[in-house]
Amino acid sequence: MPQSAGQSIRGYRCYLFDAAGHIPIVHEIEATSDKEACEFADQMLAEQPRYPAIEVWDRARQVCRLGTEYPSERTE
Protein backbone atom coordinates (compact mmCIF):
# COMPACT_ATOMS: atom_id res chain seq x y z
CA MET A 1 0.00 0.00 0.00
CA PRO A 2 1.49 3.41 -0.90
CA GLN A 3 2.50 5.80 1.85
CA SER A 4 1.87 9.52 1.97
CA ALA A 5 4.62 11.71 3.36
CA GLY A 6 4.19 12.39 7.06
CA GLN A 7 1.56 9.71 7.72
CA SER A 8 2.32 6.89 10.10
CA ILE A 9 1.63 3.31 9.09
CA ARG A 10 -0.41 0.98 11.31
CA GLY A 11 -0.90 -2.74 11.13
CA TYR A 12 -4.37 -4.24 10.70
CA ARG A 13 -5.73 -7.77 10.41
CA CYS A 14 -8.39 -8.71 7.87
CA TYR A 15 -10.47 -11.82 8.59
CA LEU A 16 -12.32 -13.35 5.64
CA PHE A 17 -15.40 -15.38 6.58
CA ASP A 18 -16.75 -18.34 4.63
CA ALA A 19 -20.47 -19.12 4.30
CA ALA A 20 -20.38 -21.22 7.50
CA GLY A 21 -19.00 -18.32 9.53
CA HIS A 22 -15.49 -19.76 9.80
CA ILE A 23 -12.33 -17.73 9.23
CA PRO A 24 -10.21 -19.62 6.68
CA ILE A 25 -8.03 -16.65 5.68
CA VAL A 26 -6.34 -13.90 7.69
CA HIS A 27 -4.41 -11.12 5.98
CA GLU A 28 -2.17 -8.66 7.74
CA ILE A 29 -2.09 -5.29 6.03
CA GLU A 30 -0.61 -1.87 6.66
CA ALA A 31 -2.55 1.35 6.19
CA THR A 32 -2.31 5.00 7.19
CA SER A 33 -5.89 5.17 8.52
CA ASP A 34 -8.94 3.12 9.40
CA LYS A 35 -10.62 4.39 6.25
CA GLU A 36 -7.75 3.21 4.07
CA ALA A 37 -7.74 -0.21 5.78
CA CYS A 38 -11.50 -0.60 5.19
CA GLU A 39 -11.15 0.44 1.54
CA PHE A 40 -8.42 -2.16 1.06
CA ALA A 41 -10.59 -4.80 2.76
CA ASP A 42 -13.54 -3.92 0.51
CA GLN A 43 -11.32 -4.41 -2.54
CA MET A 44 -10.01 -7.70 -1.12
CA LEU A 45 -13.58 -8.94 -0.56
CA ALA A 46 -14.57 -8.02 -4.12
CA GLU A 47 -11.60 -10.01 -5.47
CA GLN A 48 -12.52 -13.14 -3.46
CA PRO A 49 -16.23 -13.77 -4.17
CA ARG A 50 -16.33 -17.14 -2.40
CA TYR A 51 -16.12 -15.28 0.93
CA PRO A 52 -19.27 -13.32 1.86
CA ALA A 53 -17.80 -11.15 4.63
CA ILE A 54 -14.65 -9.57 6.02
CA GLU A 55 -13.73 -7.86 9.29
CA VAL A 56 -10.86 -5.45 9.85
CA TRP A 57 -9.25 -5.23 13.29
CA ASP A 58 -6.68 -2.91 14.84
CA ARG A 59 -5.47 -5.10 17.70
CA ALA A 60 -8.57 -5.61 19.93
CA ARG A 61 -10.63 -2.89 18.20
CA GLN A 62 -12.96 -3.82 15.37
CA VAL A 63 -12.56 -1.20 12.66
CA CYS A 64 -15.18 -2.33 10.15
CA ARG A 65 -17.24 -5.25 8.94
CA LEU A 66 -18.15 -5.62 5.29
CA GLY A 67 -20.13 -8.09 3.23
CA THR A 68 -23.45 -8.88 1.66
CA GLU A 69 -24.17 -11.67 4.11
CA TYR A 70 -22.56 -11.66 7.49
CA PRO A 71 -22.69 -15.27 8.76
CA SER A 72 -23.09 -14.55 12.48
CA GLU A 73 -26.15 -12.38 11.83
CA ARG A 74 -28.16 -14.87 9.80
CA THR A 75 -31.51 -15.90 11.21
CA GLU A 76 -32.77 -19.35 10.37
PDB file of N, CA and C in Angstrom:
ATOM      1  N   MET A   1       0.839  -1.168   0.000  1.00  0.00           N
ATOM      2  CA  MET A   1       0.000   0.000   0.000  1.00  0.00           C
ATOM      3  C   MET A   1       0.894   1.245   0.000  1.00  0.00           C
ATOM      4  N   PRO A   2       0.633   2.244  -0.855  1.00  0.00           N
ATOM      5  CA  PRO A   2       1.495   3.412  -0.905  1.00  0.00           C
ATOM      6  C   PRO A   2       1.370   4.272   0.338  1.00  0.00           C
ATOM      7  N   GLN A   3       2.468   4.929   0.684  1.00  0.00           N
ATOM      8  CA  GLN A   3       2.495   5.797   1.845  1.00  0.00           C
ATOM      9  C   GLN A   3       2.452   7.245   1.401  1.00  0.00           C
ATOM     10  N   SER A   4       1.818   8.096   2.176  1.00  0.00           N
ATOM     11  CA  SER A   4       1.867   9.524   1.966  1.00  0.00           C
ATOM     12  C   SER A   4       2.889  10.088   2.934  1.00  0.00           C
ATOM     13  N   ALA A   5       3.587  11.107   2.515  1.00  0.00           N
ATOM     14  CA  ALA A   5       4.617  11.707   3.361  1.00  0.00           C
ATOM     15  C   ALA A   5       4.001  12.212   4.659  1.00  0.00           C
ATOM     16  N   GLY A   6       4.632  11.898   5.764  1.00  0.00           N
ATOM     17  CA  GLY A   6       4.192  12.391   7.061  1.00  0.00           C
ATOM     18  C   GLY A   6       3.108  11.568   7.738  1.00  0.00           C
ATOM     19  N   GLN A   7       2.595  10.536   7.104  1.00  0.00           N
ATOM     20  CA  GLN A   7       1.558   9.711   7.719  1.00  0.00           C
ATOM     21  C   GLN A   7       2.189   8.447   8.279  1.00  0.00           C
ATOM     22  N   SER A   8       1.789   8.101   9.497  1.00  0.00           N
ATOM     23  CA  SER A   8       2.322   6.887  10.098  1.00  0.00           C
ATOM     24  C   SER A   8       1.534   5.666   9.616  1.00  0.00           C
ATOM     25  N   ILE A   9       2.217   4.560   9.555  1.00  0.00           N
ATOM     26  CA  ILE A   9       1.626   3.306   9.091  1.00  0.00           C
ATOM     27  C   ILE A   9       1.244   2.472  10.311  1.00  0.00           C
ATOM     28  N   ARG A  10       0.046   1.871  10.249  1.00  0.00           N
ATOM     29  CA  ARG A  10      -0.409   0.983  11.314  1.00  0.00           C
ATOM     30  C   ARG A  10      -0.712  -0.377  10.723  1.00  0.00           C
ATOM     31  N   GLY A  11      -0.582  -1.386  11.557  1.00  0.00           N
ATOM     32  CA  GLY A  11      -0.899  -2.741  11.129  1.00  0.00           C
ATOM     33  C   GLY A  11      -2.338  -3.095  11.460  1.00  0.00           C
ATOM     34  N   TYR A  12      -2.994  -3.785  10.545  1.00  0.00           N
ATOM     35  CA  TYR A  12      -4.369  -4.238  10.704  1.00  0.00           C
ATOM     36  C   TYR A  12      -4.439  -5.710  10.324  1.00  0.00           C
ATOM     37  N   ARG A  13      -5.459  -6.394  10.826  1.00  0.00           N
ATOM     38  CA  ARG A  13      -5.733  -7.768  10.407  1.00  0.00           C
ATOM     39  C   ARG A  13      -7.095  -7.812   9.740  1.00  0.00           C
ATOM     40  N   CYS A  14      -7.148  -8.525   8.613  1.00  0.00           N
ATOM     41  CA  CYS A  14      -8.390  -8.714   7.871  1.00  0.00           C
ATOM     42  C   CYS A  14      -8.769 -10.181   7.954  1.00  0.00           C
ATOM     43  N   TYR A  15      -9.969 -10.455   8.444  1.00  0.00           N
ATOM     44  CA  TYR A  15     -10.466 -11.819   8.593  1.00  0.00           C
ATOM     45  C   TYR A  15     -11.561 -12.062   7.572  1.00  0.00           C
ATOM     46  N   LEU A  16     -11.314 -12.966   6.626  1.00  0.00           N
ATOM     47  CA  LEU A  16     -12.323 -13.347   5.639  1.00  0.00           C
ATOM     48  C   LEU A  16     -13.149 -14.498   6.199  1.00  0.00           C
ATOM     49  N   PHE A  17     -14.481 -14.367   6.090  1.00  0.00           N
ATOM     50  CA  PHE A  17     -15.404 -15.382   6.582  1.00  0.00           C
ATOM     51  C   PHE A  17     -15.954 -16.190   5.422  1.00  0.00           C
ATOM     52  N   ASP A  18     -16.082 -17.506   5.628  1.00  0.00           N
ATOM     53  CA  ASP A  18     -16.752 -18.339   4.632  1.00  0.00           C
ATOM     54  C   ASP A  18     -18.250 -18.375   4.954  1.00  0.00           C
ATOM     55  N   ALA A  19     -19.017 -19.074   4.138  1.00  0.00           N
ATOM     56  CA  ALA A  19     -20.470 -19.118   4.303  1.00  0.00           C
ATOM     57  C   ALA A  19     -20.909 -19.757   5.625  1.00  0.00           C
ATOM     58  N   ALA A  20     -20.051 -20.586   6.216  1.00  0.00           N
ATOM     59  CA  ALA A  20     -20.380 -21.224   7.496  1.00  0.00           C
ATOM     60  C   ALA A  20     -19.998 -20.363   8.699  1.00  0.00           C
ATOM     61  N   GLY A  21     -19.407 -19.195   8.441  1.00  0.00           N
ATOM     62  CA  GLY A  21     -19.001 -18.318   9.533  1.00  0.00           C
ATOM     63  C   GLY A  21     -17.614 -18.599  10.068  1.00  0.00           C
ATOM     64  N   HIS A  22     -16.871 -19.472   9.397  1.00  0.00           N
ATOM     65  CA  HIS A  22     -15.490 -19.762   9.799  1.00  0.00           C
ATOM     66  C   HIS A  22     -14.531 -18.755   9.169  1.00  0.00           C
ATOM     67  N   ILE A  23     -13.339 -18.656   9.725  1.00  0.00           N
ATOM     68  CA  ILE A  23     -12.326 -17.732   9.232  1.00  0.00           C
ATOM     69  C   ILE A  23     -11.190 -18.539   8.611  1.00  0.00           C
ATOM     70  N   PRO A  24     -11.264 -18.833   7.309  1.00  0.00           N
ATOM     71  CA  PRO A  24     -10.214 -19.623   6.678  1.00  0.00           C
ATOM     72  C   PRO A  24      -8.987 -18.808   6.263  1.00  0.00           C
ATOM     73  N   ILE A  25      -9.137 -17.490   6.145  1.00  0.00           N
ATOM     74  CA  ILE A  25      -8.031 -16.651   5.680  1.00  0.00           C
ATOM     75  C   ILE A  25      -7.901 -15.415   6.553  1.00  0.00           C
ATOM     76  N   VAL A  26      -6.666 -15.125   6.953  1.00  0.00           N
ATOM     77  CA  VAL A  26      -6.344 -13.905   7.690  1.00  0.00           C
ATOM     78  C   VAL A  26      -5.225 -13.200   6.930  1.00  0.00           C
ATOM     79  N   HIS A  27      -5.434 -11.924   6.639  1.00  0.00           N
ATOM     80  CA  HIS A  27      -4.414 -11.116   5.977  1.00  0.00           C
ATOM     81  C   HIS A  27      -3.977 -10.016   6.923  1.00  0.00           C
ATOM     82  N   GLU A  28      -2.689  -9.807   7.018  1.00  0.00           N
ATOM     83  CA  GLU A  28      -2.167  -8.662   7.741  1.00  0.00           C
ATOM     84  C   GLU A  28      -1.832  -7.601   6.714  1.00  0.00           C
ATOM     85  N   ILE A  29      -2.336  -6.384   6.955  1.00  0.00           N
ATOM     86  CA  ILE A  29      -2.092  -5.286   6.030  1.00  0.00           C
ATOM     87  C   ILE A  29      -1.561  -4.090   6.803  1.00  0.00           C
ATOM     88  N   GLU A  30      -1.038  -3.134   6.072  1.00  0.00           N
ATOM     89  CA  GLU A  30      -0.612  -1.867   6.655  1.00  0.00           C
ATOM     90  C   GLU A  30      -1.369  -0.757   5.960  1.00  0.00           C
ATOM     91  N   ALA A  31      -1.798   0.224   6.739  1.00  0.00           N
ATOM     92  CA  ALA A  31      -2.545   1.354   6.192  1.00  0.00           C
ATOM     93  C   ALA A  31      -2.261   2.588   7.042  1.00  0.00           C
ATOM     94  N   THR A  32      -2.540   3.751   6.470  1.00  0.00           N
ATOM     95  CA  THR A  32      -2.305   5.005   7.186  1.00  0.00           C
ATOM     96  C   THR A  32      -3.514   5.453   7.997  1.00  0.00           C
ATOM     97  N   SER A  33      -4.683   4.790   7.777  1.00  0.00           N
ATOM     98  CA  SER A  33      -5.893   5.170   8.515  1.00  0.00           C
ATOM     99  C   SER A  33      -6.878   4.006   8.515  1.00  0.00           C
ATOM    100  N   ASP A  34      -7.864   4.110   9.390  1.00  0.00           N
ATOM    101  CA  ASP A  34      -8.937   3.117   9.405  1.00  0.00           C
ATOM    102  C   ASP A  34      -9.666   3.107   8.067  1.00  0.00           C
ATOM    103  N   LYS A  35      -9.909   4.282   7.520  1.00  0.00           N
ATOM    104  CA  LYS A  35     -10.619   4.388   6.245  1.00  0.00           C
ATOM    105  C   LYS A  35      -9.856   3.665   5.144  1.00  0.00           C
ATOM    106  N   GLU A  36      -8.557   3.871   5.085  1.00  0.00           N
ATOM    107  CA  GLU A  36      -7.748   3.211   4.069  1.00  0.00           C
ATOM    108  C   GLU A  36      -7.767   1.693   4.253  1.00  0.00           C
ATOM    109  N   ALA A  37      -7.700   1.225   5.495  1.00  0.00           N
ATOM    110  CA  ALA A  37      -7.742  -0.209   5.778  1.00  0.00           C
ATOM    111  C   ALA A  37      -9.077  -0.804   5.336  1.00  0.00           C
ATOM    112  N   CYS A  38     -10.180  -0.105   5.581  1.00  0.00           N
ATOM    113  CA  CYS A  38     -11.499  -0.599   5.187  1.00  0.00           C
ATOM    114  C   CYS A  38     -11.663  -0.587   3.672  1.00  0.00           C
ATOM    115  N   GLU A  39     -11.104   0.395   3.004  1.00  0.00           N
ATOM    116  CA  GLU A  39     -11.155   0.440   1.540  1.00  0.00           C
ATOM    117  C   GLU A  39     -10.373  -0.731   0.945  1.00  0.00           C
ATOM    118  N   PHE A  40      -9.221  -1.029   1.519  1.00  0.00           N
ATOM    119  CA  PHE A  40      -8.423  -2.159   1.061  1.00  0.00           C
ATOM    120  C   PHE A  40      -9.187  -3.468   1.288  1.00  0.00           C
ATOM    121  N   ALA A  41      -9.823  -3.599   2.447  1.00  0.00           N
ATOM    122  CA  ALA A  41     -10.589  -4.805   2.758  1.00  0.00           C
ATOM    123  C   ALA A  41     -11.769  -4.964   1.797  1.00  0.00           C
ATOM    124  N   ASP A  42     -12.425  -3.873   1.448  1.00  0.00           N
ATOM    125  CA  ASP A  42     -13.536  -3.922   0.512  1.00  0.00           C
ATOM    126  C   ASP A  42     -13.057  -4.419  -0.854  1.00  0.00           C
ATOM    127  N   GLN A  43     -11.903  -3.959  -1.284  1.00  0.00           N
ATOM    128  CA  GLN A  43     -11.316  -4.415  -2.541  1.00  0.00           C
ATOM    129  C   GLN A  43     -10.957  -5.901  -2.452  1.00  0.00           C
ATOM    130  N   MET A  44     -10.384  -6.303  -1.326  1.00  0.00           N
ATOM    131  CA  MET A  44     -10.015  -7.704  -1.118  1.00  0.00           C
ATOM    132  C   MET A  44     -11.251  -8.599  -1.185  1.00  0.00           C
ATOM    133  N   LEU A  45     -12.333  -8.171  -0.559  1.00  0.00           N
ATOM    134  CA  LEU A  45     -13.580  -8.942  -0.562  1.00  0.00           C
ATOM    135  C   LEU A  45     -14.141  -9.060  -1.983  1.00  0.00           C
ATOM    136  N   ALA A  46     -14.068  -7.998  -2.744  1.00  0.00           N
ATOM    137  CA  ALA A  46     -14.567  -8.020  -4.124  1.00  0.00           C
ATOM    138  C   ALA A  46     -13.751  -8.980  -4.994  1.00  0.00           C
ATOM    139  N   GLU A  47     -12.472  -9.135  -4.691  1.00  0.00           N
ATOM    140  CA  GLU A  47     -11.600 -10.011  -5.472  1.00  0.00           C
ATOM    141  C   GLU A  47     -11.708 -11.481  -5.052  1.00  0.00           C
ATOM    142  N   GLN A  48     -12.393 -11.769  -3.948  1.00  0.00           N
ATOM    143  CA  GLN A  48     -12.522 -13.140  -3.461  1.00  0.00           C
ATOM    144  C   GLN A  48     -14.005 -13.442  -3.220  1.00  0.00           C
ATOM    145  N   PRO A  49     -14.772 -13.639  -4.295  1.00  0.00           N
ATOM    146  CA  PRO A  49     -16.229 -13.773  -4.173  1.00  0.00           C
ATOM    147  C   PRO A  49     -16.714 -14.997  -3.401  1.00  0.00           C
ATOM    148  N   ARG A  50     -15.861 -15.973  -3.156  1.00  0.00           N
ATOM    149  CA  ARG A  50     -16.333 -17.143  -2.396  1.00  0.00           C
ATOM    150  C   ARG A  50     -16.474 -16.847  -0.907  1.00  0.00           C
ATOM    151  N   TYR A  51     -15.995 -15.690  -0.477  1.00  0.00           N
ATOM    152  CA  TYR A  51     -16.116 -15.277   0.925  1.00  0.00           C
ATOM    153  C   TYR A  51     -17.129 -14.140   1.026  1.00  0.00           C
ATOM    154  N   PRO A  52     -18.202 -14.320   1.803  1.00  0.00           N
ATOM    155  CA  PRO A  52     -19.265 -13.322   1.857  1.00  0.00           C
ATOM    156  C   PRO A  52     -19.012 -12.142   2.792  1.00  0.00           C
ATOM    157  N   ALA A  53     -17.994 -12.225   3.659  1.00  0.00           N
ATOM    158  CA  ALA A  53     -17.802 -11.152   4.633  1.00  0.00           C
ATOM    159  C   ALA A  53     -16.337 -11.033   5.042  1.00  0.00           C
ATOM    160  N   ILE A  54     -15.997  -9.836   5.529  1.00  0.00           N
ATOM    161  CA  ILE A  54     -14.651  -9.570   6.020  1.00  0.00           C
ATOM    162  C   ILE A  54     -14.740  -8.606   7.200  1.00  0.00           C
ATOM    163  N   GLU A  55     -13.864  -8.792   8.167  1.00  0.00           N
ATOM    164  CA  GLU A  55     -13.726  -7.862   9.287  1.00  0.00           C
ATOM    165  C   GLU A  55     -12.306  -7.331   9.296  1.00  0.00           C
ATOM    166  N   VAL A  56     -12.169  -6.070   9.702  1.00  0.00           N
ATOM    167  CA  VAL A  56     -10.857  -5.448   9.854  1.00  0.00           C
ATOM    168  C   VAL A  56     -10.696  -5.089  11.324  1.00  0.00           C
ATOM    169  N   TRP A  57      -9.543  -5.472  11.874  1.00  0.00           N
ATOM    170  CA  TRP A  57      -9.252  -5.229  13.288  1.00  0.00           C
ATOM    171  C   TRP A  57      -7.924  -4.499  13.448  1.00  0.00           C
ATOM    172  N   ASP A  58      -7.893  -3.579  14.394  1.00  0.00           N
ATOM    173  CA  ASP A  58      -6.680  -2.906  14.838  1.00  0.00           C
ATOM    174  C   ASP A  58      -6.462  -3.370  16.278  1.00  0.00           C
ATOM    175  N   ARG A  59      -5.659  -4.410  16.419  1.00  0.00           N
ATOM    176  CA  ARG A  59      -5.468  -5.104  17.704  1.00  0.00           C
ATOM    177  C   ARG A  59      -6.810  -5.617  18.215  1.00  0.00           C
ATOM    178  N   ALA A  60      -7.298  -5.123  19.365  1.00  0.00           N
ATOM    179  CA  ALA A  60      -8.567  -5.615  19.929  1.00  0.00           C
ATOM    180  C   ALA A  60      -9.766  -4.768  19.509  1.00  0.00           C
ATOM    181  N   ARG A  61      -9.561  -3.800  18.622  1.00  0.00           N
ATOM    182  CA  ARG A  61     -10.630  -2.888  18.197  1.00  0.00           C
ATOM    183  C   ARG A  61     -11.107  -3.258  16.797  1.00  0.00           C
ATOM    184  N   GLN A  62     -12.400  -3.544  16.686  1.00  0.00           N
ATOM    185  CA  GLN A  62     -12.959  -3.819  15.368  1.00  0.00           C
ATOM    186  C   GLN A  62     -13.121  -2.488  14.635  1.00  0.00           C
ATOM    187  N   VAL A  63     -12.542  -2.421  13.452  1.00  0.00           N
ATOM    188  CA  VAL A  63     -12.565  -1.195  12.656  1.00  0.00           C
ATOM    189  C   VAL A  63     -13.776  -1.167  11.739  1.00  0.00           C
ATOM    190  N   CYS A  64     -14.010  -2.266  11.016  1.00  0.00           N
ATOM    191  CA  CYS A  64     -15.180  -2.332  10.148  1.00  0.00           C
ATOM    192  C   CYS A  64     -15.522  -3.779   9.847  1.00  0.00           C
ATOM    193  N   ARG A  65     -16.726  -3.945   9.329  1.00  0.00           N
ATOM    194  CA  ARG A  65     -17.244  -5.255   8.945  1.00  0.00           C
ATOM    195  C   ARG A  65     -17.980  -5.042   7.628  1.00  0.00           C
ATOM    196  N   LEU A  66     -17.595  -5.806   6.627  1.00  0.00           N
ATOM    197  CA  LEU A  66     -18.149  -5.619   5.292  1.00  0.00           C
ATOM    198  C   LEU A  66     -18.648  -6.943   4.738  1.00  0.00           C
ATOM    199  N   GLY A  67     -19.656  -6.885   3.903  1.00  0.00           N
ATOM    200  CA  GLY A  67     -20.130  -8.086   3.229  1.00  0.00           C
ATOM    201  C   GLY A  67     -21.616  -8.049   2.982  1.00  0.00           C
ATOM    202  N   THR A  68     -22.031  -8.826   1.995  1.00  0.00           N
ATOM    203  CA  THR A  68     -23.449  -8.879   1.657  1.00  0.00           C
ATOM    204  C   THR A  68     -24.217  -9.773   2.608  1.00  0.00           C
ATOM    205  N   GLU A  69     -23.541 -10.779   3.132  1.00  0.00           N
ATOM    206  CA  GLU A  69     -24.171 -11.671   4.106  1.00  0.00           C
ATOM    207  C   GLU A  69     -23.161 -11.917   5.205  1.00  0.00           C
ATOM    208  N   TYR A  70     -23.471 -11.468   6.378  1.00  0.00           N
ATOM    209  CA  TYR A  70     -22.557 -11.656   7.488  1.00  0.00           C
ATOM    210  C   TYR A  70     -23.006 -12.885   8.257  1.00  0.00           C
ATOM    211  N   PRO A  71     -22.235 -13.970   8.232  1.00  0.00           N
ATOM    212  CA  PRO A  71     -22.687 -15.273   8.761  1.00  0.00           C
ATOM    213  C   PRO A  71     -23.242 -15.242  10.187  1.00  0.00           C
ATOM    214  N   SER A  72     -22.644 -14.497  11.087  1.00  0.00           N
ATOM    215  CA  SER A  72     -23.092 -14.552  12.479  1.00  0.00           C
ATOM    216  C   SER A  72     -24.420 -13.839  12.690  1.00  0.00           C
ATOM    217  N   GLU A  73     -24.899 -13.100  11.688  1.00  0.00           N
ATOM    218  CA  GLU A  73     -26.149 -12.375  11.834  1.00  0.00           C
ATOM    219  C   GLU A  73     -27.324 -13.037  11.114  1.00  0.00           C
ATOM    220  N   ARG A  74     -27.074 -14.173  10.507  1.00  0.00           N
ATOM    221  CA  ARG A  74     -28.161 -14.866   9.804  1.00  0.00           C
ATOM    222  C   ARG A  74     -29.194 -15.375  10.797  1.00  0.00           C
ATOM    223  N   THR A  75     -30.434 -15.307  10.400  1.00  0.00           N
ATOM    224  CA  THR A  75     -31.506 -15.896  11.213  1.00  0.00           C
ATOM    225  C   THR A  75     -32.104 -17.043  10.423  1.00  0.00           C
ATOM    226  N   GLU A  76     -32.257 -18.173  11.064  1.00  0.00           N
ATOM    227  CA  GLU A  76     -32.774 -19.355  10.373  1.00  0.00           C
ATOM    228  C   GLU A  76     -33.995 -19.870  11.059  1.00  0.00           C
TER     229      GLU A  76
END
